[in-house]
Protein backbone atom coordinates (compact mmCIF):
# COMPACT_ATOMS: atom_id res chain seq x y z
CA MET A 1 0.00 0.00 0.00
CA THR A 2 1.15 3.49 -0.80
CA ILE A 3 -0.27 7.02 -0.73
CA VAL A 4 -0.88 9.03 -3.88
CA TYR A 5 -1.12 12.80 -3.60
CA ILE A 6 -3.71 14.46 -5.83
CA TYR A 7 -3.33 18.13 -6.65
CA GLU A 8 -5.79 20.58 -8.20
CA ALA A 9 -4.18 21.48 -11.54
CA ASN A 10 -5.04 25.20 -11.38
CA SER A 11 -4.03 25.97 -7.80
CA LEU A 12 -1.62 23.05 -7.16
CA GLU A 13 -3.34 22.55 -3.80
CA CYS A 14 -3.17 18.99 -2.50
CA ILE A 15 -6.83 17.97 -2.37
CA ALA A 16 -6.64 14.23 -1.62
CA ARG A 17 -4.34 11.54 -0.29
CA PRO A 18 -5.87 8.17 -1.21
CA THR A 19 -4.16 4.95 -0.22
CA VAL A 20 -3.67 2.75 -3.27
CA THR A 21 -2.75 -0.89 -3.67
CA THR A 22 -0.12 -0.17 -6.34
CA ILE A 23 0.84 2.80 -8.50
CA GLU A 24 0.14 0.71 -11.61
CA GLU A 25 -3.44 0.04 -10.47
CA PHE A 26 -3.94 3.73 -9.78
CA LYS A 27 -2.64 4.60 -13.26
CA LYS A 28 -5.07 2.11 -14.85
CA ASN A 29 -8.14 3.38 -12.98
CA PRO A 30 -7.65 6.51 -10.83
CA SER A 31 -11.42 6.84 -10.27
CA LEU A 32 -11.39 3.57 -8.34
CA PHE A 33 -9.26 5.25 -5.66
CA TYR A 34 -10.48 8.83 -6.07
CA PRO A 35 -14.05 8.96 -7.47
CA ASP A 36 -13.83 12.67 -8.40
CA TRP A 37 -10.73 12.08 -10.58
CA ASN A 38 -10.59 14.23 -13.71
CA ALA A 39 -7.40 14.05 -15.77
CA GLU A 40 -7.88 17.62 -17.01
CA LYS A 41 -8.32 19.07 -13.51
CA HIS A 42 -6.01 16.91 -11.41
CA ILE A 43 -2.33 16.01 -11.19
CA TRP A 44 -1.04 13.15 -9.08
CA ASN A 45 2.33 12.32 -7.62
CA GLU A 46 3.90 9.91 -5.16
CA THR A 47 5.42 12.85 -3.26
CA GLU A 48 3.64 15.50 -1.21
CA TYR A 49 5.07 18.94 -1.93
CA GLN A 50 4.80 21.92 0.40
CA ASN A 51 5.27 24.43 -2.44
CA PRO A 52 4.51 22.57 -5.67
CA VAL A 53 5.45 23.86 -9.11
CA PHE A 54 4.18 22.25 -12.31
CA GLU A 55 6.70 22.76 -15.08
CA ASN A 56 7.24 20.94 -18.38
CA GLY A 57 4.77 18.24 -17.38
CA ASN A 58 6.51 17.55 -14.06
CA LEU A 59 5.53 18.37 -10.52
CA ARG A 60 8.37 19.48 -8.24
CA GLU A 61 9.14 21.52 -5.13
CA ALA A 62 9.68 25.25 -5.64
CA THR A 63 13.25 26.53 -5.38
CA LYS A 64 14.29 29.11 -2.79
CA GLU A 65 14.52 31.67 -5.59
CA GLU A 66 10.93 30.96 -6.66
CA LEU A 67 9.70 31.14 -3.07
CA TYR A 68 11.53 34.43 -2.57
CA LYS A 69 10.01 35.84 -5.76
CA ASP A 70 6.52 34.82 -4.55
CA GLY A 71 7.11 36.38 -1.14
CA LYS A 72 7.05 33.01 0.65
CA TYR A 73 10.71 33.01 1.65
CA ILE A 74 12.56 35.77 3.48
């Protein structure tokens, strides 16, 4: 069992943390684990990010420079 983190694509807010049997099963049928799944509105990852950035099709943690620019890092 593992946890998948589901993010709202527009805001990058983590909106769900379903426990899945395997990542492969989640990929085959995300709605089985998260009934509200919508591939156009949601992004999933195996990592929970505090300050997520979606860039070039990848979700990652924001850099210190990005946080500073957004006023989140002093």
